[in-house]
Amino acid sequence: MITKKNAFIKGTGSYVPPKILKNDFFEAIGSSDEWIYKNLGIKERRIAEGEVTSDLAYKAGLKALEEANVKPEEIDLIIVATSTPDRQAPSTACFVQEKMGAYQAVAFDISAVCSGGLYGIAIGCQFIETGMYQNVLIIGADTFSTITDWERKDSVFFGDGAGAILLSATNEDKGFFDFKLHADGRGKYHFNIPAGGSEMPASEETLKQKLHYFQMNGKEVFNTATKVLPETITEILEANKLSASDIDWVIPHQPSIRILQETARKVDIPFEKVMTNMDKYANTSGGTIPIVLDETYKSGKIQPGNILLFAAVGSGWTWGTALYKA
């Protein structure tokens, strides 16, 4: 199946802040624990206090390096997927590089919101496959609590957290062997943060109107996700002459339990193969895929030879899939 030098997962790590915010917090805005859990699959989420995005990313990254027995000075590239950077400049990846002492590593951020972790993996794999780099650290990290208007009903969706994946080169019959990535800018206003960029710089008026918080059209998110995810899963399976029954585990972004259930139903994958952790962490955006991957590895579920299917959809729109042989 794999005929060229490829990128495999050498180590994983994750970190979530200690503060827990349970669903009963949202009763004041007309929601309830019962509704949130039934429709979204969320019981609680983590909230960063005294920590910024690069802190979460750094702690997750160190855990991945420790698991792989790789030193910071051996890292060639650090990619941080985030929608909530520490600052507009420099990149959060540069903050992470400095905290790790990995001064020889190239460092940059990418922004694909909830697809960020998957996009980051795809980018990292290209550097390894071309032979340019040996060790690439991919980190998905977000602190959505900093861009959440807690008086809006959609504030229930997100939590803070970070996950990390160390990709390394291999000539063995394992690793990532295909990606299908997509984007459609026509959906740009269905999930966005209106102010704070060059289009609408920060001002007293934008602060007063709370335009620095995310705004989401929940119906459009659901409709788009349940359309494009099954399509791209079918696309990548057909391209590799695989069927749904060949997939051992699905490692998805964590948008909502209903989106994942509907997607699994449409592509005929048993839901027990779909890994979820939104009950504990809600949607951690760029951090979702690396966090759930770390938990799945540490649970002992993933065995050599297993085929993993990665899938994500995010603002932009952005979406995609990947296949991996363990």
C-alpha atoms as a PDB file:
ATOM      1  CA  MET A   1       0.000   0.000   0.000  1.00  0.00           C
ATOM      2  CA  ILE A   2       2.900   2.362   0.852  1.00  0.00           C
ATOM      3  CA  THR A   3       5.758   2.564  -1.668  1.00  0.00           C
ATOM      4  CA  LYS A   4       7.635   5.752  -0.705  1.00  0.00           C
ATOM      5  CA  LYS A   5       9.197   7.328   2.366  1.00  0.00           C
ATOM      6  CA  ASN A   6       6.262   8.308   4.488  1.00  0.00           C
ATOM      7  CA  ALA A   7       5.287  10.179   7.624  1.00  0.00           C
ATOM      8  CA  PHE A   8       4.209   8.115  10.620  1.00  0.00           C
ATOM      9  CA  ILE A   9       3.013   9.081  14.064  1.00  0.00           C
ATOM     10  CA  LYS A  10       5.951   8.677  16.430  1.00  0.00           C
ATOM     11  CA  GLY A  11       4.326  10.289  19.448  1.00  0.00           C
ATOM     12  CA  THR A  12       1.171  12.034  20.616  1.00  0.00           C
ATOM     13  CA  GLY A  13       0.309  14.281  23.531  1.00  0.00           C
ATOM     14  CA  SER A  14      -2.505  16.476  24.786  1.00  0.00           C
ATOM     15  CA  TYR A  15      -3.229  19.043  27.451  1.00  0.00           C
ATOM     16  CA  VAL A  16      -6.427  20.654  28.720  1.00  0.00           C
ATOM     17  CA  PRO A  17      -6.699  23.339  31.410  1.00  0.00           C
ATOM     18  CA  PRO A  18      -7.835  22.203  34.881  1.00  0.00           C
ATOM     19  CA  LYS A  19     -10.926  24.443  35.168  1.00  0.00           C
ATOM     20  CA  ILE A  20     -14.147  22.582  34.307  1.00  0.00           C
ATOM     21  CA  LEU A  21     -17.285  24.392  33.158  1.00  0.00           C
ATOM     22  CA  LYS A  22     -20.369  22.172  33.310  1.00  0.00           C
ATOM     23  CA  ASN A  23     -23.583  22.536  31.340  1.00  0.00           C
ATOM     24  CA  ASP A  24     -25.575  23.934  34.261  1.00  0.00           C
ATOM     25  CA  PHE A  25     -23.673  27.213  33.742  1.00  0.00           C
ATOM     26  CA  PHE A  26     -25.779  27.792  30.616  1.00  0.00           C
ATOM     27  CA  GLU A  27     -29.165  27.584  32.295  1.00  0.00           C
ATOM     28  CA  ALA A  28     -28.979  31.364  32.700  1.00  0.00           C
ATOM     29  CA  ILE A  29     -29.127  31.796  28.908  1.00  0.00           C
ATOM     30  CA  GLY A  30     -32.025  29.414  28.410  1.00  0.00           C
ATOM     31  CA  SER A  31     -30.193  26.157  27.744  1.00  0.00           C
ATOM     32  CA  SER A  32     -30.041  22.975  29.818  1.00  0.00           C
ATOM     33  CA  ASP A  33     -27.753  20.058  30.509  1.00  0.00           C
ATOM     34  CA  GLU A  34     -30.307  17.662  29.019  1.00  0.00           C
ATOM     35  CA  TRP A  35     -30.619  19.555  25.708  1.00  0.00           C
ATOM     36  CA  ILE A  36     -26.874  20.163  25.322  1.00  0.00           C
ATOM     37  CA  TYR A  37     -25.952  16.542  25.980  1.00  0.00           C
ATOM     38  CA  LYS A  38     -28.695  15.089  23.796  1.00  0.00           C
ATOM     39  CA  ASN A  39     -28.018  17.310  20.787  1.00  0.00           C
ATOM     40  CA  LEU A  40     -24.308  18.059  21.083  1.00  0.00           C
ATOM     41  CA  GLY A  41     -22.930  15.232  23.212  1.00  0.00           C
ATOM     42  CA  ILE A  42     -21.297  17.718  25.598  1.00  0.00           C
ATOM     43  CA  LYS A  43     -21.351  17.450  29.405  1.00  0.00           C
ATOM     44  CA  GLU A  44     -18.533  19.857  30.249  1.00  0.00           C
ATOM     45  CA  ARG A  45     -15.622  21.769  28.793  1.00  0.00           C
ATOM     46  CA  ARG A  46     -12.268  23.161  29.984  1.00  0.00           C
ATOM     47  CA  ILE A  47     -11.526  26.860  30.355  1.00  0.00           C
ATOM     48  CA  ALA A  48      -8.030  28.355  30.406  1.00  0.00           C
ATOM     49  CA  GLU A  49      -7.223  30.673  33.308  1.00  0.00           C
ATOM     50  CA  GLY A  50      -3.788  32.243  33.472  1.00  0.00           C
ATOM     51  CA  GLU A  51      -2.725  30.302  30.377  1.00  0.00           C
ATOM     52  CA  VAL A  52      -2.600  31.390  26.750  1.00  0.00           C
ATOM     53  CA  THR A  53      -2.807  29.292  23.597  1.00  0.00           C
ATOM     54  CA  SER A  54       0.953  28.801  23.348  1.00  0.00           C
ATOM     55  CA  ASP A  55       1.043  27.478  26.932  1.00  0.00           C
ATOM     56  CA  LEU A  56      -1.482  24.774  26.075  1.00  0.00           C
ATOM     57  CA  ALA A  57       0.344  24.012  22.822  1.00  0.00           C
ATOM     58  CA  TYR A  58       3.741  23.828  24.522  1.00  0.00           C
ATOM     59  CA  LYS A  59       2.517  21.416  27.207  1.00  0.00           C
ATOM     60  CA  ALA A  60       0.853  19.133  24.647  1.00  0.00           C
ATOM     61  CA  GLY A  61       3.946  19.258  22.431  1.00  0.00           C
ATOM     62  CA  LEU A  62       6.289  18.296  25.265  1.00  0.00           C
ATOM     63  CA  LYS A  63       4.154  15.243  26.018  1.00  0.00           C
ATOM     64  CA  ALA A  64       4.365  14.122  22.394  1.00  0.00           C
ATOM     65  CA  LEU A  65       8.151  14.517  22.410  1.00  0.00           C
ATOM     66  CA  GLU A  66       8.479  12.628  25.688  1.00  0.00           C
ATOM     67  CA  GLU A  67       6.411   9.738  24.344  1.00  0.00           C
ATOM     68  CA  ALA A  68       8.555   9.582  21.192  1.00  0.00           C
ATOM     69  CA  ASN A  69      11.819   9.990  23.141  1.00  0.00           C
ATOM     70  CA  VAL A  70      12.751  12.913  20.900  1.00  0.00           C
ATOM     71  CA  LYS A  71      14.517  16.026  22.213  1.00  0.00           C
ATOM     72  CA  PRO A  72      13.343  19.555  21.325  1.00  0.00           C
ATOM     73  CA  GLU A  73      16.599  20.206  19.474  1.00  0.00           C
ATOM     74  CA  GLU A  74      15.776  17.311  17.120  1.00  0.00           C
ATOM     75  CA  ILE A  75      12.592  19.001  15.836  1.00  0.00           C
ATOM     76  CA  ASP A  76      12.876  20.424  12.319  1.00  0.00           C
ATOM     77  CA  LEU A  77       9.477  22.113  12.019  1.00  0.00           C
ATOM     78  CA  ILE A  78       6.699  23.233  14.371  1.00  0.00           C
ATOM     79  CA  ILE A  79       3.259  23.921  12.922  1.00  0.00           C
ATOM     80  CA  VAL A  80       0.545  25.292  15.187  1.00  0.00           C
ATOM     81  CA  ALA A  81      -3.041  25.186  13.936  1.00  0.00           C
ATOM     82  CA  THR A  82      -5.001  27.815  15.832  1.00  0.00           C
ATOM     83  CA  SER A  83      -7.767  30.381  15.450  1.00  0.00           C
ATOM     84  CA  THR A  84      -6.927  31.989  18.792  1.00  0.00           C
ATOM     85  CA  PRO A  85      -3.240  32.959  18.555  1.00  0.00           C
ATOM     86  CA  ASP A  86      -1.467  34.617  21.462  1.00  0.00           C
ATOM     87  CA  ARG A  87      -0.997  37.709  19.294  1.00  0.00           C
ATOM     88  CA  GLN A  88      -1.542  38.717  15.677  1.00  0.00           C
ATOM     89  CA  ALA A  89       2.262  38.654  15.422  1.00  0.00           C
ATOM     90  CA  PRO A  90       4.482  36.784  15.883  1.00  0.00           C
ATOM     91  CA  SER A  91       3.072  33.325  15.276  1.00  0.00           C
ATOM     92  CA  THR A  92       2.017  31.172  18.199  1.00  0.00           C
ATOM     93  CA  ALA A  93       4.424  28.552  16.830  1.00  0.00           C
ATOM     94  CA  CYS A  94       7.298  30.952  17.522  1.00  0.00           C
ATOM     95  CA  PHE A  95       6.152  31.280  21.136  1.00  0.00           C
ATOM     96  CA  VAL A  96       6.030  27.472  21.376  1.00  0.00           C
ATOM     97  CA  GLN A  97       9.481  27.136  19.799  1.00  0.00           C
ATOM     98  CA  GLU A  98      10.945  29.561  22.338  1.00  0.00           C
ATOM     99  CA  LYS A  99       9.283  27.803  25.296  1.00  0.00           C
ATOM    100  CA  MET A 100      10.635  24.449  24.096  1.00  0.00           C
ATOM    101  CA  GLY A 101      14.101  25.771  23.318  1.00  0.00           C
ATOM    102  CA  ALA A 102      13.777  24.224  19.832  1.00  0.00           C
ATOM    103  CA  TYR A 103      15.604  27.146  18.239  1.00  0.00           C
ATOM    104  CA  GLN A 104      16.702  25.230  15.141  1.00  0.00           C
ATOM    105  CA  ALA A 105      13.088  24.464  14.165  1.00  0.00           C
ATOM    106  CA  VAL A 106      11.161  26.354  11.506  1.00  0.00           C
ATOM    107  CA  ALA A 107       7.910  27.600  13.065  1.00  0.00           C
ATOM    108  CA  PHE A 108       4.659  28.926  11.648  1.00  0.00           C
ATOM    109  CA  ASP A 109       0.889  28.930  12.238  1.00  0.00           C
ATOM    110  CA  ILE A 110      -1.979  27.914   9.991  1.00  0.00           C
ATOM    111  CA  SER A 111      -5.611  28.985  10.251  1.00  0.00           C
ATOM    112  CA  ALA A 112      -8.279  26.521   9.143  1.00  0.00           C
ATOM    113  CA  VAL A 113     -10.327  26.624  12.383  1.00  0.00           C
ATOM    114  CA  CYS A 114     -11.752  23.173  13.147  1.00  0.00           C
ATOM    115  CA  SER A 115      -9.971  21.605  10.160  1.00  0.00           C
ATOM    116  CA  GLY A 116      -6.672  23.075  11.325  1.00  0.00           C
ATOM    117  CA  GLY A 117      -5.297  19.931  12.924  1.00  0.00           C
ATOM    118  CA  LEU A 118      -5.913  17.882   9.770  1.00  0.00           C
ATOM    119  CA  TYR A 119      -4.564  20.589   7.455  1.00  0.00           C
ATOM    120  CA  GLY A 120      -1.465  20.799   9.651  1.00  0.00           C
ATOM    121  CA  ILE A 121      -0.866  17.054   9.426  1.00  0.00           C
ATOM    122  CA  ALA A 122      -1.170  17.194   5.631  1.00  0.00           C
ATOM    123  CA  ILE A 123       1.371  20.022   5.418  1.00  0.00           C
ATOM    124  CA  GLY A 124       3.797  18.297   7.773  1.00  0.00           C
ATOM    125  CA  CYS A 125       3.628  15.076   5.769  1.00  0.00           C
ATOM    126  CA  GLN A 126       4.713  16.875   2.599  1.00  0.00           C
ATOM    127  CA  PHE A 127       7.937  18.109   4.220  1.00  0.00           C
ATOM    128  CA  ILE A 128       8.732  14.579   5.366  1.00  0.00           C
ATOM    129  CA  GLU A 129       7.820  12.865   2.093  1.00  0.00           C
ATOM    130  CA  THR A 130      10.092  15.194   0.112  1.00  0.00           C
ATOM    131  CA  GLY A 131      12.969  14.417   2.465  1.00  0.00           C
ATOM    132  CA  MET A 132      13.308  18.025   3.591  1.00  0.00           C
ATOM    133  CA  TYR A 133      12.641  17.287   7.277  1.00  0.00           C
ATOM    134  CA  GLN A 134      12.866  14.258   9.549  1.00  0.00           C
ATOM    135  CA  ASN A 135      10.778  15.321  12.574  1.00  0.00           C
ATOM    136  CA  VAL A 136       7.738  17.608  12.355  1.00  0.00           C
ATOM    137  CA  LEU A 137       5.666  18.604  15.380  1.00  0.00           C
ATOM    138  CA  ILE A 138       2.021  19.347  14.569  1.00  0.00           C
ATOM    139  CA  ILE A 139       0.031  21.064  17.328  1.00  0.00           C
ATOM    140  CA  GLY A 140      -3.631  21.992  17.297  1.00  0.00           C
ATOM    141  CA  ALA A 141      -4.439  24.452  20.069  1.00  0.00           C
ATOM    142  CA  ASP A 142      -7.270  26.855  20.787  1.00  0.00           C
ATOM    143  CA  THR A 143      -8.627  28.933  23.639  1.00  0.00           C
ATOM    144  CA  PHE A 144     -12.087  29.651  22.273  1.00  0.00           C
ATOM    145  CA  SER A 145     -13.160  30.903  25.696  1.00  0.00           C
ATOM    146  CA  THR A 146     -11.311  34.125  24.799  1.00  0.00           C
ATOM    147  CA  ILE A 147     -13.531  34.736  21.752  1.00  0.00           C
ATOM    148  CA  THR A 148     -16.838  33.518  23.209  1.00  0.00           C
ATOM    149  CA  ASP A 149     -19.769  35.742  24.105  1.00  0.00           C
ATOM    150  CA  TRP A 150     -21.129  33.823  27.101  1.00  0.00           C
ATOM    151  CA  GLU A 151     -24.539  35.463  26.712  1.00  0.00           C
ATOM    152  CA  ARG A 152     -25.131  33.773  23.327  1.00  0.00           C
ATOM    153  CA  LYS A 153     -26.690  30.316  23.120  1.00  0.00           C
ATOM    154  CA  ASP A 154     -23.911  29.058  20.837  1.00  0.00           C
ATOM    155  CA  SER A 155     -21.425  29.602  23.667  1.00  0.00           C
ATOM    156  CA  VAL A 156     -22.143  26.004  24.734  1.00  0.00           C
ATOM    157  CA  PHE A 157     -20.161  24.514  21.836  1.00  0.00           C
ATOM    158  CA  PHE A 158     -16.524  25.212  22.622  1.00  0.00           C
ATOM    159  CA  GLY A 159     -13.814  24.499  25.151  1.00  0.00           C
ATOM    160  CA  ASP A 160     -10.067  25.060  25.436  1.00  0.00           C
ATOM    161  CA  GLY A 161      -7.372  22.469  24.787  1.00  0.00           C
ATOM    162  CA  ALA A 162      -4.373  21.376  22.749  1.00  0.00           C
ATOM    163  CA  GLY A 163      -3.132  18.194  21.132  1.00  0.00           C
ATOM    164  CA  ALA A 164       0.184  17.369  19.482  1.00  0.00           C
ATOM    165  CA  ILE A 165       1.412  14.825  16.952  1.00  0.00           C
ATOM    166  CA  LEU A 166       5.078  14.159  16.225  1.00  0.00           C
ATOM    167  CA  LEU A 167       5.488  13.016  12.624  1.00  0.00           C
ATOM    168  CA  SER A 168       8.703  11.275  11.619  1.00  0.00           C
ATOM    169  CA  ALA A 169      10.037   9.683   8.446  1.00  0.00           C
ATOM    170  CA  THR A 170       9.787   5.944   7.824  1.00  0.00           C
ATOM    171  CA  ASN A 171      10.441   3.457   5.051  1.00  0.00           C
ATOM    172  CA  GLU A 172       8.211   0.868   6.715  1.00  0.00           C
ATOM    173  CA  ASP A 173       4.739  -0.120   5.571  1.00  0.00           C
ATOM    174  CA  LYS A 174       2.929   2.380   7.784  1.00  0.00           C
ATOM    175  CA  GLY A 175       2.003   6.043   7.924  1.00  0.00           C
ATOM    176  CA  PHE A 176      -0.304   8.491   6.188  1.00  0.00           C
ATOM    177  CA  PHE A 177      -1.034   7.383   2.642  1.00  0.00           C
ATOM    178  CA  ASP A 178      -3.671   9.797   1.330  1.00  0.00           C
ATOM    179  CA  PHE A 179      -5.335  13.151   1.978  1.00  0.00           C
ATOM    180  CA  LYS A 180      -8.371  14.809   0.402  1.00  0.00           C
ATOM    181  CA  LEU A 181      -8.582  18.473   1.403  1.00  0.00           C
ATOM    182  CA  HIS A 182     -11.203  21.020   0.337  1.00  0.00           C
ATOM    183  CA  ALA A 183     -12.303  24.608   0.903  1.00  0.00           C
ATOM    184  CA  ASP A 184     -15.203  26.827  -0.166  1.00  0.00           C
ATOM    185  CA  GLY A 185     -14.972  30.510   0.692  1.00  0.00           C
ATOM    186  CA  ARG A 186     -18.645  31.049  -0.105  1.00  0.00           C
ATOM    187  CA  GLY A 187     -19.390  29.842   3.414  1.00  0.00           C
ATOM    188  CA  LYS A 188     -17.123  32.384   5.066  1.00  0.00           C
ATOM    189  CA  TYR A 189     -19.843  34.246   6.971  1.00  0.00           C
ATOM    190  CA  HIS A 190     -21.546  31.222   8.523  1.00  0.00           C
ATOM    191  CA  PHE A 191     -18.811  30.995  11.150  1.00  0.00           C
ATOM    192  CA  ASN A 192     -16.620  34.019  11.563  1.00  0.00           C
ATOM    193  CA  ILE A 193     -15.128  36.647  13.862  1.00  0.00           C
ATOM    194  CA  PRO A 194     -16.079  39.965  12.231  1.00  0.00           C
ATOM    195  CA  ALA A 195     -13.679  42.380  13.925  1.00  0.00           C
ATOM    196  CA  GLY A 196      -9.999  42.507  14.784  1.00  0.00           C
ATOM    197  CA  GLY A 197      -8.533  42.118  11.293  1.00  0.00           C
ATOM    198  CA  SER A 198      -7.740  44.592   8.520  1.00  0.00           C
ATOM    199  CA  GLU A 199     -11.354  44.584   7.281  1.00  0.00           C
ATOM    200  CA  MET A 200     -12.671  45.853  10.621  1.00  0.00           C
ATOM    201  CA  PRO A 201      -9.848  46.977  12.919  1.00  0.00           C
ATOM    202  CA  ALA A 202     -10.426  47.103  16.651  1.00  0.00           C
ATOM    203  CA  SER A 203     -12.276  50.201  17.821  1.00  0.00           C
ATOM    204  CA  GLU A 204     -14.456  51.323  20.683  1.00  0.00           C
ATOM    205  CA  GLU A 205     -17.500  50.598  18.521  1.00  0.00           C
ATOM    206  CA  THR A 206     -16.466  47.047  17.558  1.00  0.00           C
ATOM    207  CA  LEU A 207     -15.823  46.261  21.212  1.00  0.00           C
ATOM    208  CA  LYS A 208     -19.211  47.679  22.202  1.00  0.00           C
ATOM    209  CA  GLN A 209     -20.946  45.515  19.580  1.00  0.00           C
ATOM    210  CA  LYS A 210     -19.010  42.398  20.657  1.00  0.00           C
ATOM    211  CA  LEU A 211     -17.699  41.868  17.135  1.00  0.00           C
ATOM    212  CA  HIS A 212     -14.486  40.263  18.416  1.00  0.00           C
ATOM    213  CA  TYR A 213     -16.406  37.141  19.446  1.00  0.00           C
ATOM    214  CA  PHE A 214     -17.210  34.297  17.080  1.00  0.00           C
ATOM    215  CA  GLN A 215     -20.585  34.259  15.349  1.00  0.00           C
ATOM    216  CA  MET A 216     -22.083  31.008  14.110  1.00  0.00           C
ATOM    217  CA  ASN A 217     -25.019  29.951  11.982  1.00  0.00           C
ATOM    218  CA  GLY A 218     -25.655  26.600  13.623  1.00  0.00           C
ATOM    219  CA  LYS A 219     -28.106  25.343  11.015  1.00  0.00           C
ATOM    220  CA  GLU A 220     -25.680  25.997   8.163  1.00  0.00           C
ATOM    221  CA  VAL A 221     -22.837  24.343  10.081  1.00  0.00           C
ATOM    222  CA  PHE A 222     -24.934  21.198  10.576  1.00  0.00           C
ATOM    223  CA  ASN A 223     -26.220  21.102   6.993  1.00  0.00           C
ATOM    224  CA  THR A 224     -22.779  21.685   5.485  1.00  0.00           C
ATOM    225  CA  ALA A 225     -20.975  19.216   7.747  1.00  0.00           C
ATOM    226  CA  THR A 226     -23.458  16.406   7.147  1.00  0.00           C
ATOM    227  CA  LYS A 227     -23.142  16.957   3.382  1.00  0.00           C
ATOM    228  CA  VAL A 228     -19.406  17.416   2.835  1.00  0.00           C
ATOM    229  CA  LEU A 229     -18.069  14.933   5.396  1.00  0.00           C
ATOM    230  CA  PRO A 230     -19.831  11.895   3.876  1.00  0.00           C
ATOM    231  CA  GLU A 231     -18.817  13.094   0.406  1.00  0.00           C
ATOM    232  CA  THR A 232     -15.132  13.401   1.212  1.00  0.00           C
ATOM    233  CA  ILE A 233     -15.075  10.136   3.160  1.00  0.00           C
ATOM    234  CA  THR A 234     -16.567   8.373   0.139  1.00  0.00           C
ATOM    235  CA  GLU A 235     -14.084  10.170  -2.103  1.00  0.00           C
ATOM    236  CA  ILE A 236     -10.994   9.000  -0.202  1.00  0.00           C
ATOM    237  CA  LEU A 237     -12.251   5.446   0.272  1.00  0.00           C
ATOM    238  CA  GLU A 238     -13.024   5.057  -3.433  1.00  0.00           C
ATOM    239  CA  ALA A 239      -9.678   6.580  -4.443  1.00  0.00           C
ATOM    240  CA  ASN A 240      -7.892   3.922  -2.381  1.00  0.00           C
ATOM    241  CA  LYS A 241     -10.221   1.047  -3.295  1.00  0.00           C
ATOM    242  CA  LEU A 242     -11.336   0.664   0.301  1.00  0.00           C
ATOM    243  CA  SER A 243     -14.783   0.123   1.785  1.00  0.00           C
ATOM    244  CA  ALA A 244     -16.238   1.359   5.054  1.00  0.00           C
ATOM    245  CA  SER A 245     -15.647  -2.090   6.556  1.00  0.00           C
ATOM    246  CA  ASP A 246     -11.878  -1.664   6.007  1.00  0.00           C
ATOM    247  CA  ILE A 247     -11.773   1.227   8.485  1.00  0.00           C
ATOM    248  CA  ASP A 248     -10.833   0.210  12.020  1.00  0.00           C
ATOM    249  CA  TRP A 249     -11.176   3.602  13.720  1.00  0.00           C
ATOM    250  CA  VAL A 250     -12.450   7.041  12.754  1.00  0.00           C
ATOM    251  CA  ILE A 251     -10.552   9.982  14.280  1.00  0.00           C
ATOM    252  CA  PRO A 252     -12.826  12.967  13.639  1.00  0.00           C
ATOM    253  CA  HIS A 253     -13.056  16.590  14.552  1.00  0.00           C
ATOM    254  CA  GLN A 254     -15.606  16.950  17.382  1.00  0.00           C
ATOM    255  CA  PRO A 255     -18.341  19.279  16.021  1.00  0.00           C
ATOM    256  CA  SER A 256     -21.371  17.658  17.714  1.00  0.00           C
ATOM    257  CA  ILE A 257     -22.558  14.140  18.387  1.00  0.00           C
ATOM    258  CA  ARG A 258     -25.435  14.537  15.910  1.00  0.00           C
ATOM    259  CA  ILE A 259     -23.122  15.566  13.070  1.00  0.00           C
ATOM    260  CA  LEU A 260     -20.876  12.569  13.679  1.00  0.00           C
ATOM    261  CA  GLN A 261     -23.806  10.174  14.022  1.00  0.00           C
ATOM    262  CA  GLU A 262     -25.374  11.390  10.782  1.00  0.00           C
ATOM    263  CA  THR A 263     -22.034  11.197   8.961  1.00  0.00           C
ATOM    264  CA  ALA A 264     -21.389   7.649  10.177  1.00  0.00           C
ATOM    265  CA  ARG A 265     -24.886   6.618   9.123  1.00  0.00           C
ATOM    266  CA  LYS A 266     -24.463   8.019   5.610  1.00  0.00           C
ATOM    267  CA  VAL A 267     -21.152   6.222   4.993  1.00  0.00           C
ATOM    268  CA  ASP A 268     -22.224   3.025   6.769  1.00  0.00           C
ATOM    269  CA  ILE A 269     -19.524   3.018   9.453  1.00  0.00           C
ATOM    270  CA  PRO A 270     -20.651   1.626  12.859  1.00  0.00           C
ATOM    271  CA  PHE A 271     -20.678   4.470  15.354  1.00  0.00           C
ATOM    272  CA  GLU A 272     -18.665   2.445  17.878  1.00  0.00           C
ATOM    273  CA  LYS A 273     -15.700   2.931  15.523  1.00  0.00           C
ATOM    274  CA  VAL A 274     -16.038   6.721  15.768  1.00  0.00           C
ATOM    275  CA  MET A 275     -13.844   8.125  18.537  1.00  0.00           C
ATOM    276  CA  THR A 276     -15.361  10.990  20.544  1.00  0.00           C
ATOM    277  CA  ASN A 277     -14.412  13.031  23.594  1.00  0.00           C
ATOM    278  CA  MET A 278     -16.762  16.013  23.269  1.00  0.00           C
ATOM    279  CA  ASP A 279     -18.559  14.907  26.439  1.00  0.00           C
ATOM    280  CA  LYS A 280     -15.453  15.962  28.409  1.00  0.00           C
ATOM    281  CA  TYR A 281     -13.987  18.802  26.347  1.00  0.00           C
ATOM    282  CA  ALA A 282     -16.700  20.060  23.940  1.00  0.00           C
ATOM    283  CA  ASN A 283     -15.290  21.307  20.614  1.00  0.00           C
ATOM    284  CA  THR A 284     -11.639  22.326  21.020  1.00  0.00           C
ATOM    285  CA  SER A 285     -11.432  23.463  17.369  1.00  0.00           C
ATOM    286  CA  GLY A 286      -7.887  22.937  16.040  1.00  0.00           C
ATOM    287  CA  GLY A 287      -7.098  20.756  19.034  1.00  0.00           C
ATOM    288  CA  THR A 288      -9.881  18.216  18.497  1.00  0.00           C
ATOM    289  CA  ILE A 289      -8.242  15.674  16.186  1.00  0.00           C
ATOM    290  CA  PRO A 290      -4.842  15.527  17.941  1.00  0.00           C
ATOM    291  CA  ILE A 291      -6.500  15.308  21.373  1.00  0.00           C
ATOM    292  CA  VAL A 292      -8.848  12.468  20.430  1.00  0.00           C
ATOM    293  CA  LEU A 293      -5.982  10.723  18.599  1.00  0.00           C
ATOM    294  CA  ASP A 294      -3.809  10.905  21.722  1.00  0.00           C
ATOM    295  CA  GLU A 295      -6.598   9.484  23.874  1.00  0.00           C
ATOM    296  CA  THR A 296      -7.305   6.692  21.385  1.00  0.00           C
ATOM    297  CA  TYR A 297      -3.643   5.657  21.241  1.00  0.00           C
ATOM    298  CA  LYS A 298      -3.341   5.679  25.017  1.00  0.00           C
ATOM    299  CA  SER A 299      -6.496   3.576  25.351  1.00  0.00           C
ATOM    300  CA  GLY A 300      -4.734   0.732  23.517  1.00  0.00           C
ATOM    301  CA  LYS A 301      -7.401   0.552  20.797  1.00  0.00           C
ATOM    302  CA  ILE A 302      -5.025   1.222  17.898  1.00  0.00           C
ATOM    303  CA  GLN A 303      -3.034  -1.845  16.875  1.00  0.00           C
ATOM    304  CA  PRO A 304      -0.347  -2.316  14.184  1.00  0.00           C
ATOM    305  CA  GLY A 305      -1.944  -2.630  10.765  1.00  0.00           C
ATOM    306  CA  ASN A 306      -5.133  -0.795  11.725  1.00  0.00           C
ATOM    307  CA  ILE A 307      -6.498   1.653   9.155  1.00  0.00           C
ATOM    308  CA  LEU A 308      -7.499   5.036  10.618  1.00  0.00           C
ATOM    309  CA  LEU A 309      -9.769   7.522   8.894  1.00  0.00           C
ATOM    310  CA  PHE A 310      -9.359  11.185   9.861  1.00  0.00           C
ATOM    311  CA  ALA A 311     -12.140  13.671   9.034  1.00  0.00           C
ATOM    312  CA  ALA A 312     -12.817  17.329   9.803  1.00  0.00           C
ATOM    313  CA  VAL A 313     -14.925  20.290   8.750  1.00  0.00           C
ATOM    314  CA  GLY A 314     -14.431  23.907   9.776  1.00  0.00           C
ATOM    315  CA  SER A 315     -15.053  27.549   9.069  1.00  0.00           C
ATOM    316  CA  GLY A 316     -14.165  28.830   5.657  1.00  0.00           C
ATOM    317  CA  TRP A 317     -15.613  26.368   4.711  1.00  0.00           C
ATOM    318  CA  THR A 318     -12.691  23.967   5.093  1.00  0.00           C
ATOM    319  CA  TRP A 319     -12.921  20.190   5.249  1.00  0.00           C
ATOM    320  CA  GLY A 320     -11.055  17.037   4.452  1.00  0.00           C
ATOM    321  CA  THR A 321     -10.059  13.470   5.205  1.00  0.00           C
ATOM    322  CA  ALA A 322      -6.897  11.397   5.603  1.00  0.00           C
ATOM    323  CA  LEU A 323      -6.022   7.704   5.729  1.00  0.00           C
ATOM    324  CA  TYR A 324      -3.357   6.234   7.993  1.00  0.00           C
ATOM    325  CA  LYS A 325      -1.950   2.738   8.445  1.00  0.00           C
ATOM    326  CA  ALA A 326      -0.754   2.093  11.996  1.00  0.00           C
END
